[in-house]
């Protein structure tokens, strides 16, 4: 593969991106890959789904991301009685003006934490669809633009199913990535205990980037050069997911666009103005795994926690990498 022509644009200050990453790492110990993927999601103008068992730091990761940026943050605790108006807002009649006035909901923030998103009803889950895809909400036939940057960070527990409502495929497809935090190593957990005994770790985080600087990085991501052979490589992987005998649902065009943009953001994170094949290979599973559905005929032959991941690994390994 010939090296793509490098765009002539001001490079993003690498020390600034490094400071952001270090800010989150000061709280989330031993999970550098997860933190990098979370920042890639933000800079690619995507939304993040954090899926894991309770107590491993899903909510703390979302709080750490928000505190590292000088922007607005709202947390929504999703429950079965939460209404769509509790998310997007509501029109209230004003006695003084004799007309309805819109009162924005918590969705009008730069970073929105949707905690335990699968514990609310599908009706309330659907209130996020327009916001996540079009960066706007419509209430009483009026459309309101959301602030920029805008990112939804959702958490869910894949183990417990009592009282939960699984996210539909249309909702899952709007998350650019799904990541799993996992248990920390012994040394990392010792650091967590030491920091927790000293003080509340989140209280020590100071904002590193402004909202305007985030927007500048997002614009820089769009100018990253991607060789046509890498596009063909991406589409070859996507096509195999649609034809694989173990998958009843492959990756959508939105999924291929998500991988493209995430690879560009990964290049920015690593100080490059062009993408490499490794950018795409590293991102296939976090970007594609939640978009694929394993056929019911093969569920019993695969571990539940590794169903789509194992298939995607096999697809990536069997797809020739551009040279």
C-alpha atoms as a PDB file:
ATOM      1  CA  UNK A   1       0.000   0.000   0.000  1.00  0.00           C
ATOM      2  CA  UNK A   2       1.422   3.372  -0.974  1.00  0.00           C
ATOM      3  CA  UNK A   3       1.426   5.941   1.801  1.00  0.00           C
ATOM      4  CA  UNK A   4      -1.523   8.293   1.396  1.00  0.00           C
ATOM      5  CA  UNK A   5      -0.809  11.916   0.674  1.00  0.00           C
ATOM      6  CA  UNK A   6      -0.575  13.785   3.942  1.00  0.00           C
ATOM      7  CA  UNK A   7      -3.012  16.684   4.289  1.00  0.00           C
ATOM      8  CA  UNK A   8      -1.472  20.052   5.002  1.00  0.00           C
ATOM      9  CA  UNK A   9      -3.319  21.158   8.093  1.00  0.00           C
ATOM     10  CA  UNK A  10      -2.242  22.266  11.537  1.00  0.00           C
ATOM     11  CA  UNK A  11      -1.511  19.214  13.628  1.00  0.00           C
ATOM     12  CA  UNK A  12      -3.373  18.800  16.896  1.00  0.00           C
ATOM     13  CA  UNK A  13      -1.056  19.510  19.813  1.00  0.00           C
ATOM     14  CA  UNK A  14      -0.010  15.993  20.914  1.00  0.00           C
ATOM     15  CA  UNK A  15       0.793  17.155  24.428  1.00  0.00           C
ATOM     16  CA  UNK A  16      -2.795  18.377  24.851  1.00  0.00           C
ATOM     17  CA  UNK A  17      -4.254  14.996  23.885  1.00  0.00           C
ATOM     18  CA  UNK A  18      -1.714  13.276  26.123  1.00  0.00           C
ATOM     19  CA  UNK A  19      -2.762  15.422  29.087  1.00  0.00           C
ATOM     20  CA  UNK A  20      -6.405  14.512  28.542  1.00  0.00           C
ATOM     21  CA  UNK A  21      -5.546  10.819  28.492  1.00  0.00           C
ATOM     22  CA  UNK A  22      -3.420  11.154  31.622  1.00  0.00           C
ATOM     23  CA  UNK A  23      -6.230  13.017  33.384  1.00  0.00           C
ATOM     24  CA  UNK A  24      -8.599  10.060  32.968  1.00  0.00           C
ATOM     25  CA  UNK A  25      -5.824   7.556  33.748  1.00  0.00           C
ATOM     26  CA  UNK A  26      -5.297   9.221  37.128  1.00  0.00           C
ATOM     27  CA  UNK A  27      -8.686   7.789  38.169  1.00  0.00           C
ATOM     28  CA  UNK A  28      -9.156   4.724  35.941  1.00  0.00           C
ATOM     29  CA  UNK A  29      -6.088   2.597  36.635  1.00  0.00           C
ATOM     30  CA  UNK A  30      -4.718  -0.077  34.337  1.00  0.00           C
ATOM     31  CA  UNK A  31      -7.264   0.474  31.546  1.00  0.00           C
ATOM     32  CA  UNK A  32      -5.285   2.564  29.069  1.00  0.00           C
ATOM     33  CA  UNK A  33      -6.844   0.857  26.021  1.00  0.00           C
ATOM     34  CA  UNK A  34     -10.391   1.511  27.242  1.00  0.00           C
ATOM     35  CA  UNK A  35      -9.551   5.165  27.948  1.00  0.00           C
ATOM     36  CA  UNK A  36      -7.997   5.610  24.506  1.00  0.00           C
ATOM     37  CA  UNK A  37     -11.051   4.075  22.832  1.00  0.00           C
ATOM     38  CA  UNK A  38     -13.327   6.381  24.836  1.00  0.00           C
ATOM     39  CA  UNK A  39     -11.413   9.461  23.680  1.00  0.00           C
ATOM     40  CA  UNK A  40     -11.362   8.174  20.095  1.00  0.00           C
ATOM     41  CA  UNK A  41     -15.163   7.931  20.289  1.00  0.00           C
ATOM     42  CA  UNK A  42     -15.463  11.528  21.469  1.00  0.00           C
ATOM     43  CA  UNK A  43     -13.083  12.925  18.841  1.00  0.00           C
ATOM     44  CA  UNK A  44     -14.863  10.914  16.122  1.00  0.00           C
ATOM     45  CA  UNK A  45     -18.149  12.607  17.133  1.00  0.00           C
ATOM     46  CA  UNK A  46     -19.584   9.292  18.283  1.00  0.00           C
ATOM     47  CA  UNK A  47     -21.381   7.840  21.292  1.00  0.00           C
ATOM     48  CA  UNK A  48     -20.026   5.238  23.697  1.00  0.00           C
ATOM     49  CA  UNK A  49     -21.653   2.170  25.256  1.00  0.00           C
ATOM     50  CA  UNK A  50     -19.812   0.822  28.304  1.00  0.00           C
ATOM     51  CA  UNK A  51     -20.947  -2.713  29.070  1.00  0.00           C
ATOM     52  CA  UNK A  52     -19.743  -4.730  32.034  1.00  0.00           C
ATOM     53  CA  UNK A  53     -20.612  -6.159  35.440  1.00  0.00           C
ATOM     54  CA  UNK A  54     -21.313  -3.787  38.373  1.00  0.00           C
ATOM     55  CA  UNK A  55     -18.470  -2.169  40.253  1.00  0.00           C
ATOM     56  CA  UNK A  56     -15.703  -2.146  37.641  1.00  0.00           C
ATOM     57  CA  UNK A  57     -15.794   1.622  37.016  1.00  0.00           C
ATOM     58  CA  UNK A  58     -18.273   2.181  34.164  1.00  0.00           C
ATOM     59  CA  UNK A  59     -19.856   5.269  35.714  1.00  0.00           C
ATOM     60  CA  UNK A  60     -16.509   6.494  37.061  1.00  0.00           C
ATOM     61  CA  UNK A  61     -15.053   6.347  33.551  1.00  0.00           C
ATOM     62  CA  UNK A  62     -17.906   8.505  32.236  1.00  0.00           C
ATOM     63  CA  UNK A  63     -17.457  11.019  35.081  1.00  0.00           C
ATOM     64  CA  UNK A  64     -13.699  11.138  34.488  1.00  0.00           C
ATOM     65  CA  UNK A  65     -14.214  11.903  30.808  1.00  0.00           C
ATOM     66  CA  UNK A  66     -16.656  14.691  31.588  1.00  0.00           C
ATOM     67  CA  UNK A  67     -14.457  16.276  34.262  1.00  0.00           C
ATOM     68  CA  UNK A  68     -11.449  16.317  31.925  1.00  0.00           C
ATOM     69  CA  UNK A  69     -13.269  18.724  29.612  1.00  0.00           C
ATOM     70  CA  UNK A  70     -14.507  22.202  30.451  1.00  0.00           C
ATOM     71  CA  UNK A  71     -18.023  21.538  29.208  1.00  0.00           C
ATOM     72  CA  UNK A  72     -21.527  20.841  30.504  1.00  0.00           C
ATOM     73  CA  UNK A  73     -22.355  17.417  31.923  1.00  0.00           C
ATOM     74  CA  UNK A  74     -25.639  15.769  32.892  1.00  0.00           C
ATOM     75  CA  UNK A  75     -26.314  12.376  34.411  1.00  0.00           C
ATOM     76  CA  UNK A  76     -29.531  10.471  33.828  1.00  0.00           C
ATOM     77  CA  UNK A  77     -30.300   7.454  35.997  1.00  0.00           C
ATOM     78  CA  UNK A  78     -32.479   5.348  33.732  1.00  0.00           C
ATOM     79  CA  UNK A  79     -35.335   3.595  35.540  1.00  0.00           C
ATOM     80  CA  UNK A  80     -38.562   1.945  34.458  1.00  0.00           C
ATOM     81  CA  UNK A  81     -40.653   5.027  35.329  1.00  0.00           C
ATOM     82  CA  UNK A  82     -38.489   7.524  33.399  1.00  0.00           C
ATOM     83  CA  UNK A  83     -40.462   9.359  30.691  1.00  0.00           C
ATOM     84  CA  UNK A  84     -39.224  10.744  27.352  1.00  0.00           C
ATOM     85  CA  UNK A  85     -40.000  14.259  28.595  1.00  0.00           C
ATOM     86  CA  UNK A  86     -37.624  13.631  31.526  1.00  0.00           C
ATOM     87  CA  UNK A  87     -34.871  13.258  28.931  1.00  0.00           C
ATOM     88  CA  UNK A  88     -35.544  15.801  26.183  1.00  0.00           C
ATOM     89  CA  UNK A  89     -37.630  18.396  28.048  1.00  0.00           C
ATOM     90  CA  UNK A  90     -41.204  19.612  28.042  1.00  0.00           C
ATOM     91  CA  UNK A  91     -43.320  22.585  27.002  1.00  0.00           C
ATOM     92  CA  UNK A  92     -44.931  24.353  29.959  1.00  0.00           C
ATOM     93  CA  UNK A  93     -47.677  27.001  29.756  1.00  0.00           C
ATOM     94  CA  UNK A  94     -46.553  30.331  31.176  1.00  0.00           C
ATOM     95  CA  UNK A  95     -49.178  32.466  32.885  1.00  0.00           C
ATOM     96  CA  UNK A  96     -47.121  35.617  32.428  1.00  0.00           C
ATOM     97  CA  UNK A  97     -46.644  35.305  28.657  1.00  0.00           C
ATOM     98  CA  UNK A  98     -49.820  33.283  27.970  1.00  0.00           C
ATOM     99  CA  UNK A  99     -47.953  30.841  25.798  1.00  0.00           C
ATOM    100  CA  UNK A 100     -46.071  27.553  26.014  1.00  0.00           C
ATOM    101  CA  UNK A 101     -42.375  27.768  26.782  1.00  0.00           C
ATOM    102  CA  UNK A 102     -39.905  24.956  26.242  1.00  0.00           C
ATOM    103  CA  UNK A 103     -37.864  23.850  29.231  1.00  0.00           C
ATOM    104  CA  UNK A 104     -34.857  21.834  28.056  1.00  0.00           C
ATOM    105  CA  UNK A 105     -34.178  18.436  29.606  1.00  0.00           C
ATOM    106  CA  UNK A 106     -30.812  17.016  30.664  1.00  0.00           C
ATOM    107  CA  UNK A 107     -30.097  15.922  27.074  1.00  0.00           C
ATOM    108  CA  UNK A 108     -29.029  19.534  26.447  1.00  0.00           C
ATOM    109  CA  UNK A 109     -25.463  19.056  27.650  1.00  0.00           C
ATOM    110  CA  UNK A 110     -22.126  18.374  25.996  1.00  0.00           C
ATOM    111  CA  UNK A 111     -21.670  14.991  27.693  1.00  0.00           C
ATOM    112  CA  UNK A 112     -24.712  13.015  28.844  1.00  0.00           C
ATOM    113  CA  UNK A 113     -24.332   9.927  31.023  1.00  0.00           C
ATOM    114  CA  UNK A 114     -27.192   7.490  30.452  1.00  0.00           C
ATOM    115  CA  UNK A 115     -26.594   5.232  33.442  1.00  0.00           C
ATOM    116  CA  UNK A 116     -28.092   1.710  33.219  1.00  0.00           C
ATOM    117  CA  UNK A 117     -29.750   2.591  29.915  1.00  0.00           C
ATOM    118  CA  UNK A 118     -31.347  -0.842  29.563  1.00  0.00           C
ATOM    119  CA  UNK A 119     -33.438  -0.347  32.721  1.00  0.00           C
ATOM    120  CA  UNK A 120     -35.838   2.090  31.072  1.00  0.00           C
ATOM    121  CA  UNK A 121     -38.670   1.325  28.651  1.00  0.00           C
ATOM    122  CA  UNK A 122     -38.228   1.248  24.863  1.00  0.00           C
ATOM    123  CA  UNK A 123     -40.363   4.407  24.629  1.00  0.00           C
ATOM    124  CA  UNK A 124     -37.869   6.347  26.725  1.00  0.00           C
ATOM    125  CA  UNK A 125     -34.875   4.715  25.037  1.00  0.00           C
ATOM    126  CA  UNK A 126     -36.219   5.939  21.689  1.00  0.00           C
ATOM    127  CA  UNK A 127     -36.110   9.533  22.954  1.00  0.00           C
ATOM    128  CA  UNK A 128     -32.342   9.338  22.415  1.00  0.00           C
ATOM    129  CA  UNK A 129     -32.502   8.197  18.781  1.00  0.00           C
ATOM    130  CA  UNK A 130     -32.908  11.602  17.141  1.00  0.00           C
ATOM    131  CA  UNK A 131     -30.449  13.229  19.535  1.00  0.00           C
ATOM    132  CA  UNK A 132     -27.722  10.647  18.898  1.00  0.00           C
ATOM    133  CA  UNK A 133     -28.108  10.605  15.126  1.00  0.00           C
ATOM    134  CA  UNK A 134     -29.001  14.200  14.218  1.00  0.00           C
ATOM    135  CA  UNK A 135     -27.800  16.198  17.255  1.00  0.00           C
ATOM    136  CA  UNK A 136     -31.252  17.670  17.748  1.00  0.00           C
ATOM    137  CA  UNK A 137     -34.558  16.908  19.456  1.00  0.00           C
ATOM    138  CA  UNK A 138     -38.111  17.589  18.354  1.00  0.00           C
ATOM    139  CA  UNK A 139     -40.759  18.532  20.921  1.00  0.00           C
ATOM    140  CA  UNK A 140     -44.302  19.629  19.984  1.00  0.00           C
ATOM    141  CA  UNK A 141     -43.326  19.901  16.302  1.00  0.00           C
ATOM    142  CA  UNK A 142     -40.415  22.235  17.068  1.00  0.00           C
ATOM    143  CA  UNK A 143     -36.793  21.239  16.576  1.00  0.00           C
ATOM    144  CA  UNK A 144     -34.075  22.281  19.013  1.00  0.00           C
ATOM    145  CA  UNK A 145     -30.360  21.963  18.281  1.00  0.00           C
ATOM    146  CA  UNK A 146     -28.173  20.301  20.889  1.00  0.00           C
ATOM    147  CA  UNK A 147     -24.921  21.886  22.079  1.00  0.00           C
ATOM    148  CA  UNK A 148     -21.643  20.914  20.417  1.00  0.00           C
ATOM    149  CA  UNK A 149     -19.712  18.835  21.117  1.00  0.00           C
ATOM    150  CA  UNK A 150     -22.374  16.298  22.079  1.00  0.00           C
ATOM    151  CA  UNK A 151     -21.731  12.776  23.311  1.00  0.00           C
ATOM    152  CA  UNK A 152     -23.884  10.136  24.997  1.00  0.00           C
ATOM    153  CA  UNK A 153     -22.030   7.762  27.299  1.00  0.00           C
ATOM    154  CA  UNK A 154     -24.342   4.889  28.220  1.00  0.00           C
ATOM    155  CA  UNK A 155     -23.708   2.056  30.674  1.00  0.00           C
ATOM    156  CA  UNK A 156     -25.405  -1.289  31.044  1.00  0.00           C
ATOM    157  CA  UNK A 157     -24.956  -4.559  32.898  1.00  0.00           C
ATOM    158  CA  UNK A 158     -25.053  -7.528  30.479  1.00  0.00           C
ATOM    159  CA  UNK A 159     -25.367 -10.115  33.237  1.00  0.00           C
ATOM    160  CA  UNK A 160     -28.552  -9.097  35.032  1.00  0.00           C
ATOM    161  CA  UNK A 161     -31.729  -9.287  32.930  1.00  0.00           C
ATOM    162  CA  UNK A 162     -34.473  -8.907  35.554  1.00  0.00           C
ATOM    163  CA  UNK A 163     -36.289  -5.620  35.042  1.00  0.00           C
ATOM    164  CA  UNK A 164     -34.305  -4.658  31.936  1.00  0.00           C
ATOM    165  CA  UNK A 165     -35.277  -3.853  28.362  1.00  0.00           C
ATOM    166  CA  UNK A 166     -32.648  -4.918  25.795  1.00  0.00           C
ATOM    167  CA  UNK A 167     -31.628  -2.131  23.450  1.00  0.00           C
ATOM    168  CA  UNK A 168     -33.033  -2.628  19.922  1.00  0.00           C
ATOM    169  CA  UNK A 169     -30.656  -2.929  16.987  1.00  0.00           C
ATOM    170  CA  UNK A 170     -31.526   0.600  15.800  1.00  0.00           C
ATOM    171  CA  UNK A 171     -30.367   1.989  19.156  1.00  0.00           C
ATOM    172  CA  UNK A 172     -27.225  -0.158  19.324  1.00  0.00           C
ATOM    173  CA  UNK A 173     -26.242   0.935  15.818  1.00  0.00           C
ATOM    174  CA  UNK A 174     -26.082   4.566  16.963  1.00  0.00           C
ATOM    175  CA  UNK A 175     -23.263   3.841  19.394  1.00  0.00           C
ATOM    176  CA  UNK A 176     -19.949   4.223  17.626  1.00  0.00           C
ATOM    177  CA  UNK A 177     -18.254   1.827  20.053  1.00  0.00           C
ATOM    178  CA  UNK A 178     -19.004  -0.673  22.765  1.00  0.00           C
ATOM    179  CA  UNK A 179     -16.236  -1.242  25.287  1.00  0.00           C
ATOM    180  CA  UNK A 180     -15.849  -3.489  28.307  1.00  0.00           C
ATOM    181  CA  UNK A 181     -13.869  -2.270  31.301  1.00  0.00           C
ATOM    182  CA  UNK A 182     -13.083  -5.637  32.889  1.00  0.00           C
ATOM    183  CA  UNK A 183     -11.507  -6.347  36.259  1.00  0.00           C
ATOM    184  CA  UNK A 184      -8.241  -4.533  37.043  1.00  0.00           C
ATOM    185  CA  UNK A 185      -4.968  -6.306  37.691  1.00  0.00           C
ATOM    186  CA  UNK A 186      -3.831  -6.820  41.282  1.00  0.00           C
ATOM    187  CA  UNK A 187      -1.355  -3.929  41.065  1.00  0.00           C
ATOM    188  CA  UNK A 188      -3.925  -1.607  39.504  1.00  0.00           C
ATOM    189  CA  UNK A 189      -6.509  -2.493  42.143  1.00  0.00           C
ATOM    190  CA  UNK A 190      -3.948  -1.771  44.858  1.00  0.00           C
ATOM    191  CA  UNK A 191      -3.471   1.713  43.367  1.00  0.00           C
ATOM    192  CA  UNK A 192      -7.242   2.181  43.323  1.00  0.00           C
ATOM    193  CA  UNK A 193      -7.475   1.316  47.014  1.00  0.00           C
ATOM    194  CA  UNK A 194      -4.574   3.619  47.855  1.00  0.00           C
ATOM    195  CA  UNK A 195      -6.141   6.547  45.994  1.00  0.00           C
ATOM    196  CA  UNK A 196      -9.569   5.877  47.460  1.00  0.00           C
ATOM    197  CA  UNK A 197      -8.177   5.881  50.994  1.00  0.00           C
ATOM    198  CA  UNK A 198      -6.438   9.208  50.394  1.00  0.00           C
ATOM    199  CA  UNK A 199      -9.348  11.196  48.899  1.00  0.00           C
ATOM    200  CA  UNK A 200     -12.116  11.106  46.307  1.00  0.00           C
ATOM    201  CA  UNK A 201     -10.144  10.639  43.040  1.00  0.00           C
ATOM    202  CA  UNK A 202     -12.704  12.423  40.853  1.00  0.00           C
ATOM    203  CA  UNK A 203     -12.403  15.581  42.942  1.00  0.00           C
ATOM    204  CA  UNK A 204      -8.762  15.949  41.875  1.00  0.00           C
ATOM    205  CA  UNK A 205      -9.486  16.068  38.135  1.00  0.00           C
ATOM    206  CA  UNK A 206      -9.131  19.512  36.590  1.00  0.00           C
ATOM    207  CA  UNK A 207     -10.446  20.356  33.081  1.00  0.00           C
ATOM    208  CA  UNK A 208      -7.746  19.928  30.456  1.00  0.00           C
ATOM    209  CA  UNK A 209      -9.593  20.866  27.244  1.00  0.00           C
ATOM    210  CA  UNK A 210     -12.350  23.325  26.425  1.00  0.00           C
ATOM    211  CA  UNK A 211     -15.400  22.537  24.309  1.00  0.00           C
ATOM    212  CA  UNK A 212     -13.943  24.682  21.526  1.00  0.00           C
ATOM    213  CA  UNK A 213     -10.721  22.666  21.546  1.00  0.00           C
ATOM    214  CA  UNK A 214     -12.701  19.429  21.310  1.00  0.00           C
ATOM    215  CA  UNK A 215     -14.487  20.809  18.242  1.00  0.00           C
ATOM    216  CA  UNK A 216     -11.124  21.697  16.707  1.00  0.00           C
ATOM    217  CA  UNK A 217      -9.893  18.119  17.214  1.00  0.00           C
ATOM    218  CA  UNK A 218     -13.107  16.774  15.678  1.00  0.00           C
ATOM    219  CA  UNK A 219     -12.533  18.945  12.623  1.00  0.00           C
ATOM    220  CA  UNK A 220      -8.915  17.771  12.387  1.00  0.00           C
ATOM    221  CA  UNK A 221     -10.116  14.142  12.455  1.00  0.00           C
ATOM    222  CA  UNK A 222     -12.150  14.690   9.297  1.00  0.00           C
ATOM    223  CA  UNK A 223      -9.032  15.841   7.432  1.00  0.00           C
ATOM    224  CA  UNK A 224      -7.006  12.700   8.141  1.00  0.00           C
ATOM    225  CA  UNK A 225      -5.970  10.970   4.913  1.00  0.00           C
ATOM    226  CA  UNK A 226      -7.307   7.456   4.273  1.00  0.00           C
ATOM    227  CA  UNK A 227      -5.881   5.442   1.394  1.00  0.00           C
ATOM    228  CA  UNK A 228      -8.398   3.874  -0.970  1.00  0.00           C
ATOM    229  CA  UNK A 229      -6.919   0.439  -0.280  1.00  0.00           C
ATOM    230  CA  UNK A 230      -7.853   0.876   3.375  1.00  0.00           C
ATOM    231  CA  UNK A 231     -11.419   1.661   2.322  1.00  0.00           C
ATOM    232  CA  UNK A 232     -11.454  -1.561   0.274  1.00  0.00           C
ATOM    233  CA  UNK A 233     -10.040  -3.414   3.304  1.00  0.00           C
ATOM    234  CA  UNK A 234     -12.833  -2.045   5.489  1.00  0.00           C
ATOM    235  CA  UNK A 235     -15.538  -2.954   2.997  1.00  0.00           C
ATOM    236  CA  UNK A 236     -14.123  -6.471   2.596  1.00  0.00           C
ATOM    237  CA  UNK A 237     -14.513  -7.035   6.361  1.00  0.00           C
ATOM    238  CA  UNK A 238     -18.001  -5.522   6.329  1.00  0.00           C
ATOM    239  CA  UNK A 239     -19.098  -7.716   3.428  1.00  0.00           C
ATOM    240  CA  UNK A 240     -17.874 -10.850   5.221  1.00  0.00           C
ATOM    241  CA  UNK A 241     -20.025  -9.988   8.264  1.00  0.00           C
ATOM    242  CA  UNK A 242     -23.075  -9.828   5.996  1.00  0.00           C
ATOM    243  CA  UNK A 243     -22.336 -13.209   4.426  1.00  0.00           C
ATOM    244  CA  UNK A 244     -20.995 -15.133   7.441  1.00  0.00           C
ATOM    245  CA  UNK A 245     -23.012 -18.265   8.210  1.00  0.00           C
ATOM    246  CA  UNK A 246     -22.811 -17.634  11.960  1.00  0.00           C
ATOM    247  CA  UNK A 247     -24.270 -14.115  11.715  1.00  0.00           C
ATOM    248  CA  UNK A 248     -27.922 -13.349  11.086  1.00  0.00           C
ATOM    249  CA  UNK A 249     -27.206  -9.597  10.967  1.00  0.00           C
ATOM    250  CA  UNK A 250     -24.037  -8.041   9.605  1.00  0.00           C
ATOM    251  CA  UNK A 251     -22.595  -4.544   9.811  1.00  0.00           C
ATOM    252  CA  UNK A 252     -24.667  -1.674   8.415  1.00  0.00           C
ATOM    253  CA  UNK A 253     -23.340   1.199   6.253  1.00  0.00           C
ATOM    254  CA  UNK A 254     -23.448   3.322   9.413  1.00  0.00           C
ATOM    255  CA  UNK A 255     -21.089   0.787  10.955  1.00  0.00           C
ATOM    256  CA  UNK A 256     -18.582   1.034   8.103  1.00  0.00           C
ATOM    257  CA  UNK A 257     -18.686   4.837   8.330  1.00  0.00           C
ATOM    258  CA  UNK A 258     -18.128   4.572  12.084  1.00  0.00           C
ATOM    259  CA  UNK A 259     -15.011   2.441  11.606  1.00  0.00           C
ATOM    260  CA  UNK A 260     -13.716   4.905   9.005  1.00  0.00           C
ATOM    261  CA  UNK A 261     -14.149   7.885  11.337  1.00  0.00           C
ATOM    262  CA  UNK A 262     -12.809   6.032  14.382  1.00  0.00           C
ATOM    263  CA  UNK A 263      -9.653   5.087  12.476  1.00  0.00           C
ATOM    264  CA  UNK A 264      -9.154   8.750  11.595  1.00  0.00           C
ATOM    265  CA  UNK A 265      -9.542   9.700  15.264  1.00  0.00           C
ATOM    266  CA  UNK A 266      -7.063   6.997  16.273  1.00  0.00           C
ATOM    267  CA  UNK A 267      -4.520   8.517  13.876  1.00  0.00           C
ATOM    268  CA  UNK A 268      -5.020  11.930  15.503  1.00  0.00           C
ATOM    269  CA  UNK A 269      -4.568  10.410  18.963  1.00  0.00           C
ATOM    270  CA  UNK A 270      -1.241   8.975  17.844  1.00  0.00           C
ATOM    271  CA  UNK A 271      -0.041  12.182  16.180  1.00  0.00           C
ATOM    272  CA  UNK A 272      -0.382  11.082  12.553  1.00  0.00           C
ATOM    273  CA  UNK A 273      -2.063  12.781   9.585  1.00  0.00           C
ATOM    274  CA  UNK A 274      -2.828   9.486   7.828  1.00  0.00           C
ATOM    275  CA  UNK A 275      -4.353   6.127   8.778  1.00  0.00           C
ATOM    276  CA  UNK A 276      -2.598   2.767   8.937  1.00  0.00           C
ATOM    277  CA  UNK A 277      -4.073  -0.741   8.553  1.00  0.00           C
ATOM    278  CA  UNK A 278      -3.498  -1.314  12.284  1.00  0.00           C
ATOM    279  CA  UNK A 279      -5.895   1.537  13.083  1.00  0.00           C
ATOM    280  CA  UNK A 280      -8.693  -0.383  11.404  1.00  0.00           C
ATOM    281  CA  UNK A 281      -7.690  -3.802  12.779  1.00  0.00           C
ATOM    282  CA  UNK A 282      -7.618  -2.523  16.381  1.00  0.00           C
ATOM    283  CA  UNK A 283     -11.066  -0.963  16.050  1.00  0.00           C
ATOM    284  CA  UNK A 284     -13.030  -3.689  14.282  1.00  0.00           C
ATOM    285  CA  UNK A 285     -14.245  -5.418  17.451  1.00  0.00           C
ATOM    286  CA  UNK A 286     -15.210  -2.344  19.543  1.00  0.00           C
ATOM    287  CA  UNK A 287     -16.940  -0.742  16.542  1.00  0.00           C
ATOM    288  CA  UNK A 288     -18.583  -3.830  14.997  1.00  0.00           C
ATOM    289  CA  UNK A 289     -19.266  -6.341  17.798  1.00  0.00           C
ATOM    290  CA  UNK A 290     -22.496  -4.715  19.035  1.00  0.00           C
ATOM    291  CA  UNK A 291     -23.813  -4.342  15.495  1.00  0.00           C
ATOM    292  CA  UNK A 292     -23.656  -8.051  14.639  1.00  0.00           C
ATOM    293  CA  UNK A 293     -26.199 -10.650  15.735  1.00  0.00           C
ATOM    294  CA  UNK A 294     -25.148 -14.264  16.039  1.00  0.00           C
ATOM    295  CA  UNK A 295     -27.565 -16.748  14.461  1.00  0.00           C
ATOM    296  CA  UNK A 296     -29.561 -18.708  17.051  1.00  0.00           C
ATOM    297  CA  UNK A 297     -28.420 -21.964  15.450  1.00  0.00           C
ATOM    298  CA  UNK A 298     -24.848 -21.359  16.640  1.00  0.00           C
ATOM    299  CA  UNK A 299     -25.382 -19.722  20.017  1.00  0.00           C
ATOM    300  CA  UNK A 300     -24.797 -22.961  21.914  1.00  0.00           C
ATOM    301  CA  UNK A 301     -21.388 -23.488  20.287  1.00  0.00           C
ATOM    302  CA  UNK A 302     -20.035 -20.089  21.328  1.00  0.00           C
ATOM    303  CA  UNK A 303     -19.478 -18.491  24.703  1.00  0.00           C
ATOM    304  CA  UNK A 304     -22.125 -15.869  25.366  1.00  0.00           C
ATOM    305  CA  UNK A 305     -19.613 -13.164  26.300  1.00  0.00           C
ATOM    306  CA  UNK A 306     -17.537 -13.814  23.193  1.00  0.00           C
ATOM    307  CA  UNK A 307     -20.105 -14.560  20.505  1.00  0.00           C
ATOM    308  CA  UNK A 308     -19.608 -11.802  17.951  1.00  0.00           C
ATOM    309  CA  UNK A 309     -16.039 -11.022  19.072  1.00  0.00           C
ATOM    310  CA  UNK A 310     -14.755 -14.487  18.130  1.00  0.00           C
ATOM    311  CA  UNK A 311     -16.400 -14.325  14.715  1.00  0.00           C
ATOM    312  CA  UNK A 312     -14.996 -10.866  14.011  1.00  0.00           C
ATOM    313  CA  UNK A 313     -11.497 -12.014  14.999  1.00  0.00           C
ATOM    314  CA  UNK A 314     -11.776 -14.869  12.514  1.00  0.00           C
ATOM    315  CA  UNK A 315     -12.972 -12.465   9.800  1.00  0.00           C
ATOM    316  CA  UNK A 316     -10.121 -10.019  10.438  1.00  0.00           C
ATOM    317  CA  UNK A 317      -7.526 -12.807  10.464  1.00  0.00           C
ATOM    318  CA  UNK A 318      -8.798 -14.145   7.132  1.00  0.00           C
ATOM    319  CA  UNK A 319      -8.906 -10.761   5.366  1.00  0.00           C
ATOM    320  CA  UNK A 320      -5.670  -9.779   3.568  1.00  0.00           C
ATOM    321  CA  UNK A 321      -4.141  -6.588   4.958  1.00  0.00           C
ATOM    322  CA  UNK A 322      -3.051  -3.905   2.448  1.00  0.00           C
ATOM    323  CA  UNK A 323       0.734  -3.722   2.138  1.00  0.00           C
END
